[in-house]
Amino acid sequence: MRWRWRRWAVGLAPLLVIAVVVLLLVVRGRADGGDVAQDRPGTVLLVAGYGGSTNALQGLQARLRASGRSVEIVPPVGDNTGNLRAQARQLDSVARREVAAGAPSVDVVGYSAGGVVARIWVAELGGDGLARRVVTLGSPHHGTEVAGLALGLAPGACPPACRELAPASELLRGLPEAPAGPRWTSIWTTGDETVLPPDSARLAGAVTVQLQQVCPDARVTHGGLPGDPLTTGLVRLALGVAPLDEVPAPGRCAGLRLSGA
């Protein structure tokens, strides 16, 4: 009996080794974005911020379409002041629809709170296997004092998304900075009057671009980010075939503005 057990164990050992190797490859594939091809751009999905207005994104949509990209605006969930995870599920639905229709992957541009929504989607809903690139514009990755003040002074008037965007909220504390999978770019401006402090938009693991690093004369507010030519030029650069690996030098200021006009 002992001989049979030993023979069975010896025969099983190679199968266990193969299983472990396959598991490691699967885990590594998820960390690297699975089968998402970096050289085959798919549909660009634009995600609105708190309040749900898509008006600011329509100009960006038109300019990206003019560059040859397929671009869709993710429909808001109500007025986008509800639970951010519900908004992430909406993004997931649209992304999966695009991939099912033949897109090799999706690129996501999240404006304001839309960037936090994109992080939730990649970290919790399988977006790491669908997204090629994620760009965030003026996103309160570490919260905004505006939401914190609203929560402190009038908690009843601070909807779920407002509470989740307060500094050190439970959601933000538990969310990975730049979840594994896509390549991340965070674009922000020192003139942001809504995300306070403005450098809350910095994101560890992403190429973080302060507009004033590229164009020192940039005078862009939070609401002006989606329509700003420099911002658009940087978005196009970040979504190109070649990844954006570093902050563009000031010498590229004029060219980026021109490409985003």
Protein backbone atom coordinates (compact mmCIF):
# COMPACT_ATOMS: atom_id res chain seq x y z
CA MET A 1 0.00 0.00 0.00
CA ARG A 2 2.84 2.37 0.93
CA TRP A 3 4.54 1.57 -2.40
CA ARG A 4 1.40 2.50 -4.30
CA TRP A 5 1.08 5.78 -2.41
CA ARG A 6 4.71 6.68 -3.12
CA ARG A 7 4.27 5.86 -6.81
CA TRP A 8 1.09 7.98 -6.96
CA ALA A 9 2.85 10.91 -5.26
CA VAL A 10 5.80 10.73 -7.67
CA GLY A 11 3.41 10.74 -10.62
CA LEU A 12 1.49 13.69 -9.22
CA ALA A 13 4.52 15.91 -8.60
CA PRO A 14 5.05 17.00 -12.25
CA LEU A 15 1.37 17.89 -12.53
CA LEU A 16 1.64 20.08 -9.42
CA VAL A 17 4.67 21.85 -10.88
CA ILE A 18 2.80 22.54 -14.13
CA ALA A 19 -0.22 23.84 -12.21
CA VAL A 20 1.94 26.23 -10.19
CA VAL A 21 3.67 27.53 -13.34
CA VAL A 22 0.32 28.11 -15.08
CA LEU A 23 -1.01 29.92 -12.01
CA LEU A 24 2.06 32.18 -11.88
CA LEU A 25 1.67 33.01 -15.56
CA VAL A 26 -1.98 33.88 -15.07
CA VAL A 27 -1.21 36.13 -12.10
CA ARG A 28 1.63 37.80 -13.99
CA GLY A 29 -0.61 38.25 -17.01
CA ARG A 30 -3.20 40.06 -14.88
CA ALA A 31 -0.54 42.31 -13.38
CA ASP A 32 0.70 43.23 -16.85
CA GLY A 33 -2.78 43.85 -18.22
CA GLY A 34 -3.43 40.32 -19.48
CA ASP A 35 -3.70 40.17 -23.26
CA VAL A 36 -4.17 43.93 -23.76
CA ALA A 37 -1.98 44.88 -26.71
CA GLN A 38 -0.26 48.23 -26.24
CA ASP A 39 0.26 48.76 -29.97
CA ARG A 40 -3.44 48.34 -30.91
CA PRO A 41 -5.44 51.31 -29.57
CA GLY A 42 -9.14 50.64 -29.10
CA THR A 43 -12.11 52.79 -28.14
CA VAL A 44 -11.53 55.82 -25.92
CA LEU A 45 -14.06 56.11 -23.09
CA LEU A 46 -14.55 59.50 -21.41
CA VAL A 47 -15.84 59.46 -17.83
CA ALA A 48 -17.52 62.55 -16.40
CA GLY A 49 -16.93 63.87 -12.91
CA TYR A 50 -19.05 64.81 -9.92
CA GLY A 51 -22.35 66.31 -11.05
CA GLY A 52 -22.52 64.19 -14.20
CA SER A 53 -22.35 66.94 -16.82
CA THR A 54 -20.84 65.71 -20.09
CA ASN A 55 -20.74 69.17 -21.70
CA ALA A 56 -17.08 69.66 -20.82
CA LEU A 57 -16.20 66.32 -22.43
CA GLN A 58 -17.92 66.87 -25.76
CA GLY A 59 -15.20 69.16 -27.11
CA LEU A 60 -12.51 66.67 -26.04
CA GLN A 61 -14.50 63.91 -27.70
CA ALA A 62 -14.65 65.86 -30.98
CA ARG A 63 -10.92 66.64 -30.96
CA LEU A 64 -9.94 63.03 -30.25
CA ARG A 65 -12.30 61.82 -32.98
CA ALA A 66 -10.68 64.29 -35.38
CA SER A 67 -7.37 62.54 -34.68
CA GLY A 68 -8.88 59.25 -35.88
CA ARG A 69 -9.92 57.65 -32.60
CA SER A 70 -13.27 56.07 -31.79
CA VAL A 71 -14.51 57.94 -28.70
CA GLU A 72 -17.57 57.43 -26.49
CA ILE A 73 -18.75 59.29 -23.40
CA VAL A 74 -19.85 56.95 -20.62
CA PRO A 75 -23.43 57.88 -19.64
CA PRO A 76 -23.57 59.30 -16.09
CA VAL A 77 -25.39 57.42 -13.37
CA GLY A 78 -28.06 59.96 -12.50
CA ASP A 79 -26.13 63.10 -11.62
CA ASN A 80 -22.96 61.18 -10.70
CA THR A 81 -23.25 62.13 -7.04
CA GLY A 82 -24.15 58.63 -5.91
CA ASN A 83 -21.85 55.78 -4.97
CA LEU A 84 -18.66 55.84 -7.05
CA ARG A 85 -18.69 52.05 -7.34
CA ALA A 86 -22.03 52.30 -9.16
CA GLN A 87 -20.35 54.64 -11.63
CA ALA A 88 -17.50 52.14 -11.99
CA ARG A 89 -20.05 49.45 -12.88
CA GLN A 90 -21.43 51.74 -15.58
CA LEU A 91 -17.92 52.17 -17.00
CA ASP A 92 -17.45 48.41 -16.90
CA SER A 93 -20.68 47.85 -18.82
CA VAL A 94 -19.68 50.25 -21.59
CA ALA A 95 -16.13 48.89 -21.78
CA ARG A 96 -17.31 45.30 -22.11
CA ARG A 97 -19.82 46.32 -24.76
CA GLU A 98 -17.07 47.95 -26.83
CA VAL A 99 -14.77 44.94 -26.54
CA ALA A 100 -17.62 42.57 -27.39
CA ALA A 101 -18.25 44.69 -30.50
CA GLY A 102 -14.67 44.15 -31.67
CA ALA A 103 -12.49 46.74 -29.95
CA PRO A 104 -9.13 45.18 -28.93
CA SER A 105 -9.23 47.14 -25.66
CA VAL A 106 -10.32 50.49 -24.28
CA ASP A 107 -8.50 53.63 -23.23
CA VAL A 108 -10.13 55.57 -20.41
CA VAL A 109 -9.96 59.30 -19.73
CA GLY A 110 -11.46 60.15 -16.35
CA TYR A 111 -12.18 63.80 -15.64
CA SER A 112 -12.22 64.89 -11.99
CA ALA A 113 -14.00 62.18 -9.95
CA GLY A 114 -14.12 60.12 -13.15
CA GLY A 115 -10.44 59.33 -12.58
CA VAL A 116 -11.24 57.79 -9.19
CA VAL A 117 -14.04 55.82 -10.87
CA ALA A 118 -11.49 54.46 -13.35
CA ARG A 119 -9.25 53.33 -10.48
CA ILE A 120 -12.14 51.46 -8.86
CA TRP A 121 -12.99 49.82 -12.18
CA VAL A 122 -9.44 48.61 -12.81
CA ALA A 123 -8.86 47.48 -9.21
CA GLU A 124 -12.17 45.79 -8.47
CA LEU A 125 -14.15 45.01 -11.63
CA GLY A 126 -11.67 43.44 -14.05
CA GLY A 127 -10.73 46.61 -15.89
CA ASP A 128 -7.10 45.50 -15.70
CA GLY A 129 -7.83 42.99 -18.47
CA LEU A 130 -9.68 45.49 -20.68
CA ALA A 131 -7.87 48.81 -20.33
CA ARG A 132 -4.75 49.68 -22.29
CA ARG A 133 -4.23 53.21 -20.93
CA VAL A 134 -5.92 55.33 -18.27
CA VAL A 135 -5.54 59.12 -18.15
CA THR A 136 -6.96 61.15 -15.28
CA LEU A 137 -7.60 64.90 -15.49
CA GLY A 138 -7.61 66.88 -12.26
CA SER A 139 -8.77 63.86 -10.26
CA PRO A 140 -8.94 64.03 -6.44
CA HIS A 141 -7.03 60.79 -5.95
CA HIS A 142 -6.38 61.67 -2.30
CA GLY A 143 -9.61 63.57 -1.80
CA THR A 144 -10.43 67.25 -1.89
CA GLU A 145 -10.82 69.62 1.02
CA VAL A 146 -13.97 70.94 -0.67
CA ALA A 147 -15.71 67.60 -0.01
CA GLY A 148 -14.18 67.41 3.46
CA LEU A 149 -15.53 70.86 4.32
CA ALA A 150 -18.99 69.98 2.99
CA LEU A 151 -19.02 66.77 5.00
CA GLY A 152 -17.99 68.61 8.16
CA LEU A 153 -20.37 71.56 7.86
CA ALA A 154 -23.44 69.98 6.29
CA PRO A 155 -23.18 66.19 6.24
CA GLY A 156 -26.80 65.85 5.16
CA ALA A 157 -26.07 67.86 2.03
CA CYS A 158 -23.01 65.75 1.12
CA PRO A 159 -24.17 62.85 -1.14
CA PRO A 160 -22.37 59.48 -1.22
CA ALA A 161 -19.79 60.56 -3.83
CA CYS A 162 -19.09 63.71 -1.85
CA ARG A 163 -18.38 61.64 1.27
CA GLU A 164 -16.20 59.22 -0.72
CA LEU A 165 -14.13 62.12 -2.11
CA ALA A 166 -13.37 63.60 1.31
CA PRO A 167 -9.69 63.23 2.27
CA ALA A 168 -8.94 59.92 4.01
CA SER A 169 -12.37 58.47 3.20
CA GLU A 170 -12.76 54.73 3.64
CA LEU A 171 -12.97 54.24 -0.13
CA LEU A 172 -9.81 56.22 -0.89
CA ARG A 173 -7.84 54.56 1.91
CA GLY A 174 -8.59 51.11 0.52
CA LEU A 175 -7.99 51.89 -3.15
CA PRO A 176 -4.64 51.10 -4.83
CA GLU A 177 -2.96 54.21 -6.24
CA ALA A 178 -2.45 53.02 -9.82
CA PRO A 179 -3.84 49.46 -10.04
CA ALA A 180 -1.81 47.02 -12.10
CA GLY A 181 -2.78 46.50 -15.72
CA PRO A 182 -3.00 49.65 -17.85
CA ARG A 183 -0.42 52.41 -18.14
CA TRP A 184 -1.47 55.42 -16.08
CA THR A 185 -1.07 59.16 -16.69
CA SER A 186 -2.32 61.84 -14.30
CA ILE A 187 -2.64 65.39 -15.64
CA TRP A 188 -3.32 68.29 -13.27
CA THR A 189 -3.00 72.05 -12.90
CA THR A 190 -1.82 74.25 -10.05
CA GLY A 191 -4.79 76.51 -10.85
CA ASP A 192 -7.31 73.87 -9.73
CA GLU A 193 -9.80 75.51 -7.39
CA THR A 194 -11.99 72.42 -6.93
CA VAL A 195 -9.44 69.74 -6.10
CA LEU A 196 -7.70 71.14 -3.01
CA PRO A 197 -4.84 70.84 -2.66
CA PRO A 198 -4.35 70.54 -6.43
CA ASP A 199 -1.54 68.01 -6.04
CA SER A 200 -4.10 65.55 -4.67
CA ALA A 201 -4.16 64.58 -8.36
CA ARG A 202 -0.69 63.04 -8.06
CA LEU A 203 -0.83 59.29 -8.47
CA ALA A 204 1.93 56.92 -7.41
CA GLY A 205 2.76 54.54 -10.24
CA ALA A 206 1.56 56.94 -12.92
CA VAL A 207 3.37 59.46 -15.08
CA THR A 208 2.14 62.58 -13.29
CA VAL A 209 2.14 65.70 -15.45
CA GLN A 210 1.63 69.13 -13.94
CA LEU A 211 0.66 71.42 -16.82
CA GLN A 212 2.95 74.17 -15.57
CA GLN A 213 5.94 71.82 -15.83
CA VAL A 214 5.38 71.68 -19.58
CA CYS A 215 4.07 75.20 -20.21
CA PRO A 216 5.00 77.55 -17.33
CA ASP A 217 2.48 80.12 -18.57
CA ALA A 218 -0.47 77.70 -18.41
CA ARG A 219 -3.45 79.31 -16.66
CA VAL A 220 -5.91 76.45 -16.47
CA THR A 221 -8.63 75.94 -13.86
CA HIS A 222 -10.35 72.69 -12.92
CA GLY A 223 -13.30 73.36 -15.22
CA GLY A 224 -10.99 74.34 -18.05
CA LEU A 225 -8.97 71.11 -18.13
CA PRO A 226 -11.01 69.11 -20.70
CA GLY A 227 -11.13 72.01 -23.18
CA ASP A 228 -7.54 73.16 -22.81
CA PRO A 229 -5.37 72.57 -25.93
CA LEU A 230 -2.32 71.62 -23.85
CA THR A 231 -4.37 69.09 -21.89
CA THR A 232 -5.76 67.63 -25.11
CA GLY A 233 -2.26 67.43 -26.61
CA LEU A 234 -1.04 65.55 -23.53
CA VAL A 235 -4.04 63.20 -23.63
CA ARG A 236 -3.34 62.39 -27.27
CA LEU A 237 0.30 61.78 -26.43
CA ALA A 238 -0.58 59.51 -23.49
CA LEU A 239 -3.00 57.49 -25.65
CA GLY A 240 -0.62 57.10 -28.59
CA VAL A 241 0.89 53.85 -29.78
CA ALA A 242 4.11 54.55 -27.89
CA PRO A 243 3.52 54.95 -24.14
CA LEU A 244 4.24 58.20 -22.30
CA ASP A 245 7.12 57.30 -19.98
CA GLU A 246 8.10 60.73 -18.64
CA VAL A 247 6.90 64.30 -18.28
CA PRO A 248 7.40 66.14 -21.60
CA ALA A 249 10.07 68.82 -21.54
CA PRO A 250 9.07 72.53 -21.71
CA GLY A 251 10.50 72.63 -25.21
CA ARG A 252 7.46 70.64 -26.35
CA CYS A 253 4.96 73.17 -24.99
CA ALA A 254 4.08 74.86 -28.29
CA GLY A 255 3.89 71.59 -30.21
CA LEU A 256 1.58 69.95 -27.68
CA ARG A 257 -0.73 72.94 -27.63
CA LEU A 258 -0.85 72.91 -31.40
CA SER A 259 -1.63 69.19 -31.53
CA GLY A 260 -4.47 69.64 -29.05
CA ALA A 261 -6.07 72.68 -30.65
